[in-house]
Amino acid sequence: KTNLPEGQYNVYVSFVIDLKGHITDIKTKGNDYEPFVTEATRLIRAIPKYSAPGIQRGKQVKVRFTLPIGFIVETEKN
């Protein structure tokens, strides 16, 4: 339940996959409604460890990703 009007709200989550496959440096943009930011961050933290890092020109590198996570707010129907 929120006090927000109906619609879709997006939180853009940026994070880095490090050389060991761990998710680090999580940042959010877009909607600043705290429950949405908290849930989007929780979802990213729940991603399992990657088995391999990114590779560029034959070398292992850190990779930054940005994902949009959408939340749909609907009015409660009685």
N, C-alpha and C. Protein backbone atom coordinates (compact mmCIF):
# COMPACT_ATOMS: atom_id res chain seq x y z
N LYS A 1 0.84 -1.18 0.00
CA LYS A 1 0.00 0.00 0.00
C LYS A 1 0.89 1.24 0.00
N THR A 2 0.54 2.15 -0.87
CA THR A 2 1.30 3.39 -0.97
C THR A 2 0.32 4.55 -1.05
N ASN A 3 0.82 5.73 -0.94
CA ASN A 3 0.01 6.93 -1.16
C ASN A 3 0.27 7.50 -2.55
N LEU A 4 0.85 6.68 -3.42
CA LEU A 4 1.18 7.13 -4.77
C LEU A 4 0.01 6.93 -5.72
N PRO A 5 -0.11 7.78 -6.73
CA PRO A 5 -1.15 7.56 -7.73
C PRO A 5 -0.84 6.31 -8.55
N GLU A 6 -1.88 5.77 -9.19
CA GLU A 6 -1.69 4.60 -10.04
C GLU A 6 -0.67 4.88 -11.13
N GLY A 7 0.04 3.84 -11.52
CA GLY A 7 0.99 3.97 -12.61
C GLY A 7 2.21 3.10 -12.38
N GLN A 8 3.15 3.20 -13.30
CA GLN A 8 4.40 2.46 -13.19
C GLN A 8 5.49 3.40 -12.72
N TYR A 9 6.28 2.91 -11.77
CA TYR A 9 7.38 3.67 -11.21
C TYR A 9 8.66 2.84 -11.41
N ASN A 10 9.68 3.46 -11.94
CA ASN A 10 10.93 2.75 -12.21
C ASN A 10 12.04 3.20 -11.27
N VAL A 11 12.83 2.22 -10.85
CA VAL A 11 14.07 2.48 -10.13
C VAL A 11 15.16 1.89 -11.00
N TYR A 12 16.15 2.68 -11.35
CA TYR A 12 17.27 2.22 -12.16
C TYR A 12 18.40 1.86 -11.21
N VAL A 13 18.82 0.60 -11.27
CA VAL A 13 19.84 0.12 -10.35
C VAL A 13 21.11 -0.16 -11.14
N SER A 14 22.18 0.50 -10.72
CA SER A 14 23.49 0.31 -11.33
C SER A 14 24.35 -0.47 -10.35
N PHE A 15 25.10 -1.44 -10.87
CA PHE A 15 25.97 -2.24 -10.01
C PHE A 15 27.15 -2.76 -10.82
N VAL A 16 28.17 -3.22 -10.12
CA VAL A 16 29.38 -3.74 -10.76
C VAL A 16 29.53 -5.22 -10.41
N ILE A 17 29.86 -6.01 -11.43
CA ILE A 17 30.27 -7.40 -11.18
C ILE A 17 31.80 -7.36 -11.13
N ASP A 18 32.36 -7.72 -9.98
CA ASP A 18 33.81 -7.61 -9.83
C ASP A 18 34.52 -8.83 -10.43
N LEU A 19 35.82 -8.88 -10.28
CA LEU A 19 36.62 -9.94 -10.90
C LEU A 19 36.34 -11.33 -10.33
N LYS A 20 35.74 -11.39 -9.13
CA LYS A 20 35.40 -12.68 -8.53
C LYS A 20 33.94 -13.04 -8.74
N GLY A 21 33.20 -12.20 -9.47
CA GLY A 21 31.80 -12.50 -9.76
C GLY A 21 30.81 -11.96 -8.74
N HIS A 22 31.29 -11.16 -7.77
CA HIS A 22 30.42 -10.60 -6.75
C HIS A 22 29.81 -9.27 -7.22
N ILE A 23 28.61 -8.98 -6.75
CA ILE A 23 27.95 -7.72 -7.05
C ILE A 23 28.41 -6.68 -6.04
N THR A 24 28.89 -5.54 -6.55
CA THR A 24 29.39 -4.48 -5.69
C THR A 24 28.88 -3.13 -6.20
N ASP A 25 29.12 -2.09 -5.44
CA ASP A 25 28.87 -0.71 -5.84
C ASP A 25 27.44 -0.49 -6.37
N ILE A 26 26.46 -0.87 -5.57
CA ILE A 26 25.05 -0.73 -5.97
C ILE A 26 24.62 0.72 -5.77
N LYS A 27 24.05 1.30 -6.83
CA LYS A 27 23.54 2.68 -6.79
C LYS A 27 22.17 2.70 -7.45
N THR A 28 21.30 3.59 -6.98
CA THR A 28 19.97 3.70 -7.58
C THR A 28 19.72 5.11 -8.09
N LYS A 29 18.87 5.19 -9.10
CA LYS A 29 18.43 6.46 -9.67
C LYS A 29 16.95 6.34 -9.99
N GLY A 30 16.37 7.46 -10.35
CA GLY A 30 14.96 7.43 -10.73
C GLY A 30 14.09 7.71 -9.53
N ASN A 31 13.13 6.85 -9.30
CA ASN A 31 12.18 7.03 -8.23
C ASN A 31 12.89 6.99 -6.88
N ASP A 32 12.55 7.91 -5.98
CA ASP A 32 13.20 7.92 -4.66
C ASP A 32 12.25 7.48 -3.55
N TYR A 33 11.13 6.84 -3.91
CA TYR A 33 10.20 6.30 -2.91
C TYR A 33 10.92 5.15 -2.20
N GLU A 34 11.22 5.32 -0.94
CA GLU A 34 12.11 4.43 -0.20
C GLU A 34 11.74 2.95 -0.27
N PRO A 35 10.48 2.55 -0.13
CA PRO A 35 10.18 1.11 -0.25
C PRO A 35 10.55 0.53 -1.62
N PHE A 36 10.42 1.31 -2.68
CA PHE A 36 10.80 0.82 -4.01
C PHE A 36 12.31 0.70 -4.12
N VAL A 37 13.04 1.68 -3.61
CA VAL A 37 14.50 1.63 -3.65
C VAL A 37 15.01 0.45 -2.83
N THR A 38 14.45 0.24 -1.66
CA THR A 38 14.85 -0.87 -0.80
C THR A 38 14.60 -2.21 -1.48
N GLU A 39 13.45 -2.37 -2.10
CA GLU A 39 13.11 -3.64 -2.77
C GLU A 39 13.99 -3.86 -3.99
N ALA A 40 14.23 -2.83 -4.77
CA ALA A 40 15.08 -2.96 -5.95
C ALA A 40 16.50 -3.36 -5.54
N THR A 41 17.01 -2.76 -4.48
CA THR A 41 18.34 -3.10 -3.98
C THR A 41 18.37 -4.54 -3.47
N ARG A 42 17.32 -4.95 -2.78
CA ARG A 42 17.24 -6.34 -2.28
C ARG A 42 17.27 -7.33 -3.44
N LEU A 43 16.53 -7.02 -4.50
CA LEU A 43 16.50 -7.92 -5.67
C LEU A 43 17.88 -8.07 -6.29
N ILE A 44 18.61 -6.98 -6.42
CA ILE A 44 19.94 -7.05 -7.00
C ILE A 44 20.88 -7.84 -6.10
N ARG A 45 20.79 -7.63 -4.79
CA ARG A 45 21.64 -8.37 -3.86
C ARG A 45 21.34 -9.87 -3.89
N ALA A 46 20.13 -10.25 -4.31
CA ALA A 46 19.72 -11.66 -4.35
C ALA A 46 20.24 -12.39 -5.59
N ILE A 47 20.83 -11.66 -6.54
CA ILE A 47 21.37 -12.30 -7.73
C ILE A 47 22.55 -13.19 -7.30
N PRO A 48 22.57 -14.45 -7.74
CA PRO A 48 23.69 -15.32 -7.35
C PRO A 48 25.01 -14.83 -7.91
N LYS A 49 26.09 -15.28 -7.26
CA LYS A 49 27.43 -14.94 -7.71
C LYS A 49 27.63 -15.43 -9.14
N TYR A 50 28.21 -14.58 -9.97
CA TYR A 50 28.51 -14.97 -11.34
C TYR A 50 29.70 -15.92 -11.34
N SER A 51 29.68 -16.89 -12.26
CA SER A 51 30.75 -17.89 -12.30
C SER A 51 32.03 -17.36 -12.94
N ALA A 52 31.91 -16.26 -13.71
CA ALA A 52 33.09 -15.72 -14.37
C ALA A 52 32.93 -14.21 -14.52
N PRO A 53 34.02 -13.48 -14.47
CA PRO A 53 33.94 -12.03 -14.67
C PRO A 53 33.79 -11.71 -16.15
N GLY A 54 33.66 -10.43 -16.45
CA GLY A 54 33.65 -10.01 -17.84
C GLY A 54 35.05 -10.16 -18.42
N ILE A 55 35.11 -10.31 -19.73
CA ILE A 55 36.39 -10.42 -20.41
C ILE A 55 36.43 -9.42 -21.55
N GLN A 56 37.48 -8.64 -21.60
CA GLN A 56 37.67 -7.67 -22.67
C GLN A 56 39.10 -7.78 -23.16
N ARG A 57 39.25 -7.98 -24.47
CA ARG A 57 40.58 -8.15 -25.08
C ARG A 57 41.40 -9.23 -24.38
N GLY A 58 40.70 -10.30 -23.98
CA GLY A 58 41.37 -11.44 -23.36
C GLY A 58 41.70 -11.28 -21.89
N LYS A 59 41.34 -10.16 -21.27
CA LYS A 59 41.63 -9.93 -19.85
C LYS A 59 40.34 -9.84 -19.05
N GLN A 60 40.40 -10.31 -17.81
CA GLN A 60 39.25 -10.20 -16.93
C GLN A 60 39.07 -8.75 -16.50
N VAL A 61 37.81 -8.29 -16.54
CA VAL A 61 37.51 -6.90 -16.17
C VAL A 61 36.23 -6.85 -15.33
N LYS A 62 36.11 -5.78 -14.57
CA LYS A 62 34.86 -5.50 -13.87
C LYS A 62 33.86 -4.99 -14.91
N VAL A 63 32.58 -5.28 -14.68
CA VAL A 63 31.55 -4.85 -15.62
C VAL A 63 30.43 -4.14 -14.86
N ARG A 64 30.06 -2.95 -15.33
CA ARG A 64 28.95 -2.21 -14.72
C ARG A 64 27.69 -2.48 -15.52
N PHE A 65 26.61 -2.77 -14.82
CA PHE A 65 25.30 -2.98 -15.42
C PHE A 65 24.34 -1.95 -14.85
N THR A 66 23.35 -1.58 -15.62
CA THR A 66 22.23 -0.78 -15.13
C THR A 66 20.95 -1.47 -15.58
N LEU A 67 20.10 -1.77 -14.61
CA LEU A 67 18.83 -2.44 -14.89
C LEU A 67 17.67 -1.58 -14.42
N PRO A 68 16.62 -1.46 -15.24
CA PRO A 68 15.42 -0.80 -14.75
C PRO A 68 14.55 -1.84 -14.03
N ILE A 69 14.06 -1.48 -12.87
CA ILE A 69 13.13 -2.34 -12.14
C ILE A 69 11.85 -1.55 -11.98
N GLY A 70 10.77 -2.09 -12.53
CA GLY A 70 9.48 -1.40 -12.54
C GLY A 70 8.55 -1.87 -11.44
N PHE A 71 7.84 -0.95 -10.86
CA PHE A 71 6.83 -1.23 -9.85
C PHE A 71 5.51 -0.66 -10.36
N ILE A 72 4.48 -1.46 -10.35
CA ILE A 72 3.17 -1.01 -10.81
C ILE A 72 2.28 -0.79 -9.59
N VAL A 73 1.75 0.42 -9.48
CA VAL A 73 0.85 0.77 -8.38
C VAL A 73 -0.56 0.77 -8.93
N GLU A 74 -1.43 0.01 -8.29
CA GLU A 74 -2.84 -0.05 -8.68
C GLU A 74 -3.69 0.31 -7.47
N THR A 75 -4.86 0.85 -7.74
CA THR A 75 -5.76 1.14 -6.63
C THR A 75 -6.39 -0.18 -6.17
N GLU A 76 -6.65 -0.24 -4.90
CA GLU A 76 -7.26 -1.45 -4.33
C GLU A 76 -8.71 -1.53 -4.77
N LYS A 77 -9.05 -2.67 -5.31
CA LYS A 77 -10.44 -2.87 -5.75
C LYS A 77 -11.19 -3.66 -4.69
N ASN A 78 -12.32 -3.13 -4.26
CA ASN A 78 -13.09 -3.78 -3.18
C ASN A 78 -13.91 -4.91 -3.70
